């Protein structure tokens, strides 16, 4: 079952041979055990947050789906519009344009860059069409002002619609449980069944603070688990990557994948 922050802190303290109950005001053990600890719940939570983000960046396991980006019909003569991207985005997997008047149609958008698009839009980036075919990102996640994380479409749609975006996201950050005790009962934002990775990450970070050389072995163990997770969560099936046509003819993955 999903693990809470309290669960993970308990498991880490068990490995560190410390009283296993977190400094939770609702715990009967919170007062008697506080003085026996070298590590605070605040710093353990910081390491847990770092570990969750390290796993999400490397394994790209938190893939999600968003339909909240709306695109109005473009009016000739207006400036080139840009649209905000989710702030928790690590990398985009796929984007689609869905016309408001034809919600059963999804037009896939090809990723590109401003430099590459010169060969397509030339000097006129506001060319209208029934639906867009490309998107170009600007800025970066968390950027403000001129660095705001946005994307531009081309050609600009002459009809309103929404953007379906499939993307890999960052986990939700946990707040300091010493300040807000409700955080102890928050479920960790990670893939079910891999919670031992965050325990291993937090454990070796704690050993580094204690200047215990065993942290090197624990880090190797963590890296092995991350590699296994990347291998097993990249695709949630064990079938060969083949595209089957109606005729039954199959096409190898390397023929149609740009990542091959």
Protein backbone atom coordinates (compact mmCIF):
# COMPACT_ATOMS: atom_id res chain seq x y z
CA UNK A 1 0.00 0.00 0.00
CA UNK A 2 1.15 3.63 -0.47
CA UNK A 3 3.61 4.90 2.11
CA UNK A 4 3.12 8.08 4.14
CA UNK A 5 5.88 10.43 5.25
CA UNK A 6 5.54 8.95 8.74
CA UNK A 7 6.07 5.45 7.36
CA UNK A 8 9.27 6.39 5.54
CA UNK A 9 10.73 8.32 8.48
CA UNK A 10 10.08 5.29 10.69
CA UNK A 11 11.81 2.96 8.24
CA UNK A 12 14.82 5.26 7.90
CA UNK A 13 15.19 5.63 11.66
CA UNK A 14 15.06 1.84 12.01
CA UNK A 15 18.07 1.59 9.69
CA UNK A 16 19.86 4.31 11.67
CA UNK A 17 19.17 2.52 14.99
CA UNK A 18 17.23 5.52 16.25
CA UNK A 19 13.79 5.60 17.91
CA UNK A 20 11.58 4.81 14.98
CA UNK A 21 8.63 7.06 15.69
CA UNK A 22 8.65 10.50 14.07
CA UNK A 23 8.29 13.65 16.13
CA UNK A 24 4.55 13.56 15.68
CA UNK A 25 2.54 15.35 18.39
CA UNK A 26 -0.08 12.60 18.11
CA UNK A 27 2.47 9.87 18.89
CA UNK A 28 2.79 8.56 22.44
CA UNK A 29 6.53 8.17 21.84
CA UNK A 30 7.24 11.68 20.59
CA UNK A 31 8.27 13.24 23.89
CA UNK A 32 10.33 10.41 25.36
CA UNK A 33 12.28 9.66 22.17
CA UNK A 34 13.08 13.14 20.86
CA UNK A 35 16.33 13.54 22.79
CA UNK A 36 17.80 10.26 21.52
CA UNK A 37 17.99 11.35 17.91
CA UNK A 38 20.87 12.68 15.83
CA UNK A 39 18.60 13.51 12.88
CA UNK A 40 15.56 15.79 12.96
CA UNK A 41 12.36 15.07 11.08
CA UNK A 42 12.91 18.34 9.22
CA UNK A 43 16.18 17.24 7.64
CA UNK A 44 14.91 13.72 6.96
CA UNK A 45 11.96 15.28 5.11
CA UNK A 46 14.35 17.47 3.11
CA UNK A 47 16.26 14.37 2.00
CA UNK A 48 13.02 12.56 1.22
CA UNK A 49 11.98 15.48 -1.00
CA UNK A 50 15.39 15.42 -2.72
CA UNK A 51 15.12 11.67 -3.27
CA UNK A 52 11.62 11.87 -4.72
CA UNK A 53 12.79 14.50 -7.20
CA UNK A 54 15.96 12.59 -8.08
CA UNK A 55 13.91 9.47 -8.87
CA UNK A 56 11.32 11.40 -10.90
CA UNK A 57 13.98 13.21 -12.97
CA UNK A 58 15.97 10.10 -13.75
CA UNK A 59 13.29 7.43 -14.09
CA UNK A 60 10.64 9.74 -15.59
CA UNK A 61 8.09 7.49 -13.94
CA UNK A 62 5.46 10.09 -13.02
CA UNK A 63 3.79 10.41 -16.41
CA UNK A 64 0.56 12.40 -16.34
CA UNK A 65 -2.07 13.90 -18.62
CA UNK A 66 -3.41 17.46 -18.76
CA UNK A 67 -6.36 18.99 -20.67
CA UNK A 68 -6.55 22.42 -19.04
CA UNK A 69 -4.70 24.46 -21.70
CA UNK A 70 -7.23 26.28 -23.86
CA UNK A 71 -6.37 27.81 -27.24
CA UNK A 72 -8.63 30.56 -28.66
CA UNK A 73 -9.20 30.99 -32.38
CA UNK A 74 -6.47 33.20 -33.82
CA UNK A 75 -7.42 36.64 -35.10
CA UNK A 76 -5.42 37.92 -38.08
CA UNK A 77 -3.13 40.78 -37.17
CA UNK A 78 -2.82 39.81 -33.50
CA UNK A 79 0.60 39.18 -31.91
CA UNK A 80 1.92 35.62 -31.86
CA UNK A 81 0.22 33.97 -28.86
CA UNK A 82 2.05 31.76 -26.40
CA UNK A 83 0.50 29.43 -23.83
CA UNK A 84 1.74 28.48 -20.33
CA UNK A 85 3.01 24.97 -19.66
CA UNK A 86 2.58 23.10 -16.33
CA UNK A 87 5.12 24.22 -13.74
CA UNK A 88 5.83 20.65 -12.59
CA UNK A 89 6.86 19.51 -16.07
CA UNK A 90 10.15 17.65 -16.51
CA UNK A 91 9.77 16.66 -20.16
CA UNK A 92 6.97 16.47 -22.71
CA UNK A 93 6.02 13.09 -24.13
CA UNK A 94 3.21 14.09 -26.49
CA UNK A 95 0.95 17.02 -27.35
CA UNK A 96 -2.34 17.06 -29.28
CA UNK A 97 -4.72 19.76 -30.47
CA UNK A 98 -8.43 19.01 -30.00
CA UNK A 99 -10.87 21.40 -31.79
CA UNK A 100 -13.67 22.66 -29.57
CA UNK A 101 -16.24 21.97 -32.27
CA UNK A 102 -14.84 18.49 -33.04
CA UNK A 103 -13.82 17.04 -29.70
CA UNK A 104 -13.57 13.52 -31.15
CA UNK A 105 -10.58 14.58 -33.29
CA UNK A 106 -7.04 14.79 -31.92
CA UNK A 107 -4.31 16.30 -34.08
CA UNK A 108 -0.79 15.30 -32.93
CA UNK A 109 1.72 18.17 -32.68
CA UNK A 110 5.35 17.71 -33.67
CA UNK A 111 8.01 19.17 -31.34
CA UNK A 112 10.54 21.54 -32.83
CA UNK A 113 12.79 24.52 -32.06
CA UNK A 114 12.68 28.12 -33.22
CA UNK A 115 15.80 27.58 -35.32
CA UNK A 116 14.46 24.45 -37.04
CA UNK A 117 11.10 26.11 -37.68
CA UNK A 118 12.73 28.76 -39.88
CA UNK A 119 12.54 26.18 -42.67
CA UNK A 120 8.76 25.93 -42.13
CA UNK A 121 7.42 29.36 -41.14
CA UNK A 122 10.11 31.46 -42.85
CA UNK A 123 9.57 35.07 -41.74
CA UNK A 124 5.84 34.72 -41.04
CA UNK A 125 5.11 32.97 -37.74
CA UNK A 126 1.42 33.94 -37.64
CA UNK A 127 0.22 31.95 -40.61
CA UNK A 128 -3.31 30.64 -39.78
CA UNK A 129 -4.73 27.21 -40.57
CA UNK A 130 -7.55 24.97 -39.46
CA UNK A 131 -5.31 23.25 -36.90
CA UNK A 132 -1.66 23.51 -35.77
CA UNK A 133 1.03 20.98 -36.66
CA UNK A 134 4.09 22.03 -34.58
CA UNK A 135 4.93 23.41 -31.17
CA UNK A 136 8.01 25.23 -29.88
CA UNK A 137 8.78 25.75 -26.18
CA UNK A 138 10.15 28.94 -24.63
CA UNK A 139 11.72 29.53 -21.23
CA UNK A 140 12.00 26.85 -18.56
CA UNK A 141 9.96 25.41 -15.65
CA UNK A 142 9.74 27.95 -12.84
CA UNK A 143 10.88 30.81 -15.07
CA UNK A 144 9.37 34.27 -14.57
CA UNK A 145 8.95 37.20 -16.93
CA UNK A 146 10.88 36.63 -20.16
CA UNK A 147 11.87 33.18 -18.86
CA UNK A 148 8.28 32.00 -18.36
CA UNK A 149 7.76 28.41 -19.50
CA UNK A 150 5.44 28.59 -22.51
CA UNK A 151 4.91 27.13 -25.96
CA UNK A 152 4.06 28.52 -29.38
CA UNK A 153 1.95 26.80 -32.05
CA UNK A 154 2.32 26.79 -35.81
CA UNK A 155 0.34 27.31 -37.86
CA UNK A 156 -2.00 29.23 -35.59
CA UNK A 157 -5.43 27.58 -35.35
CA UNK A 158 -8.35 29.49 -36.83
CA UNK A 159 -10.66 27.59 -34.49
CA UNK A 160 -10.68 27.31 -30.71
CA UNK A 161 -9.58 24.13 -29.00
CA UNK A 162 -7.69 22.56 -26.13
CA UNK A 163 -4.27 20.98 -25.79
CA UNK A 164 -3.85 17.43 -24.56
CA UNK A 165 -0.39 17.11 -23.07
CA UNK A 166 1.21 13.91 -21.82
CA UNK A 167 4.28 14.70 -19.74
CA UNK A 168 6.66 13.53 -17.05
CA UNK A 169 6.22 15.58 -13.90
CA UNK A 170 7.94 16.37 -10.64
CA UNK A 171 6.53 14.99 -7.38
CA UNK A 172 4.60 17.22 -4.99
CA UNK A 173 6.97 18.66 -2.40
CA UNK A 174 6.33 17.83 1.26
CA UNK A 175 6.38 20.63 3.81
CA UNK A 176 8.22 20.55 7.14
CA UNK A 177 6.23 18.16 9.38
CA UNK A 178 7.63 19.76 12.52
CA UNK A 179 5.81 22.96 11.54
CA UNK A 180 2.75 21.23 10.07
CA UNK A 181 2.10 17.83 11.64
CA UNK A 182 -0.53 16.97 9.02
CA UNK A 183 2.35 16.33 6.62
CA UNK A 184 3.14 13.08 8.45
CA UNK A 185 0.04 11.51 6.95
CA UNK A 186 0.65 12.68 3.37
CA UNK A 187 1.23 9.84 0.89
CA UNK A 188 4.55 9.96 -0.94
CA UNK A 189 4.13 11.05 -4.55
CA UNK A 190 5.83 8.12 -6.25
CA UNK A 191 5.11 4.88 -8.08
CA UNK A 192 3.62 2.18 -5.86
CA UNK A 193 6.00 -0.64 -4.96
CA UNK A 194 9.25 1.35 -5.18
CA UNK A 195 9.22 3.09 -1.79
CA UNK A 196 12.40 1.30 -0.75
CA UNK A 197 14.30 3.58 -3.14
CA UNK A 198 13.43 6.67 -1.13
CA UNK A 199 14.38 4.86 2.07
CA UNK A 200 17.78 3.96 0.56
CA UNK A 201 18.35 7.52 -0.67
CA UNK A 202 17.50 9.09 2.69
CA UNK A 203 19.58 6.50 4.53
CA UNK A 204 22.77 7.17 2.59
CA UNK A 205 22.28 10.94 2.92
CA UNK A 206 22.06 10.47 6.68
CA UNK A 207 25.26 8.39 6.67
CA UNK A 208 27.04 11.19 4.78
CA UNK A 209 26.10 13.65 7.53
CA UNK A 210 27.40 11.21 10.16
CA UNK A 211 30.66 10.86 8.15
CA UNK A 212 30.08 7.13 8.02
CA UNK A 213 32.01 5.65 5.06
CA UNK A 214 29.27 3.04 4.62
CA UNK A 215 27.36 5.71 2.66
CA UNK A 216 29.31 4.71 -0.46
CA UNK A 217 27.95 1.15 -0.35
CA UNK A 218 24.43 2.41 0.33
CA UNK A 219 24.66 4.82 -2.60
CA UNK A 220 25.69 1.96 -4.91
CA UNK A 221 22.69 -0.02 -3.69
CA UNK A 222 20.45 2.98 -4.42
CA UNK A 223 21.91 3.42 -7.92
CA UNK A 224 21.25 -0.24 -8.71
CA UNK A 225 17.63 0.13 -7.64
CA UNK A 226 17.20 3.28 -9.76
CA UNK A 227 18.59 1.48 -12.81
CA UNK A 228 16.15 -1.38 -12.26
CA UNK A 229 13.27 1.07 -11.87
CA UNK A 230 14.16 2.86 -15.10
CA UNK A 231 14.20 -0.47 -16.92
CA UNK A 232 10.89 -1.71 -15.53
CA UNK A 233 8.80 1.49 -15.51
CA UNK A 234 9.82 2.80 -18.93
CA UNK A 235 6.97 0.74 -20.36
CA UNK A 236 4.22 -0.94 -18.36
CA UNK A 237 4.08 -4.01 -20.59
CA UNK A 238 6.56 -6.66 -21.68
CA UNK A 239 5.64 -6.87 -25.35
CA UNK A 240 7.89 -6.08 -28.30
CA UNK A 241 7.53 -2.53 -29.62
CA UNK A 242 5.86 -3.31 -32.94
CA UNK A 243 3.15 -1.47 -34.86
CA UNK A 244 0.60 -3.90 -36.32
CA UNK A 245 -1.34 -2.90 -39.42
CA UNK A 246 -4.81 -4.20 -40.31
CA UNK A 247 -3.14 -6.57 -42.77
CA UNK A 248 -1.19 -8.10 -39.91
CA UNK A 249 2.17 -6.79 -41.16
CA UNK A 250 4.33 -5.51 -38.31
CA UNK A 251 6.83 -2.66 -38.38
CA UNK A 252 9.90 -2.77 -36.10
CA UNK A 253 10.11 -0.05 -33.47
CA UNK A 254 13.40 1.29 -34.83
CA UNK A 255 11.80 2.17 -38.16
CA UNK A 256 9.26 4.62 -36.74
CA UNK A 257 10.80 5.81 -33.46
CA UNK A 258 12.81 9.07 -33.55
CA UNK A 259 14.57 7.95 -30.34
CA UNK A 260 16.15 4.86 -31.87
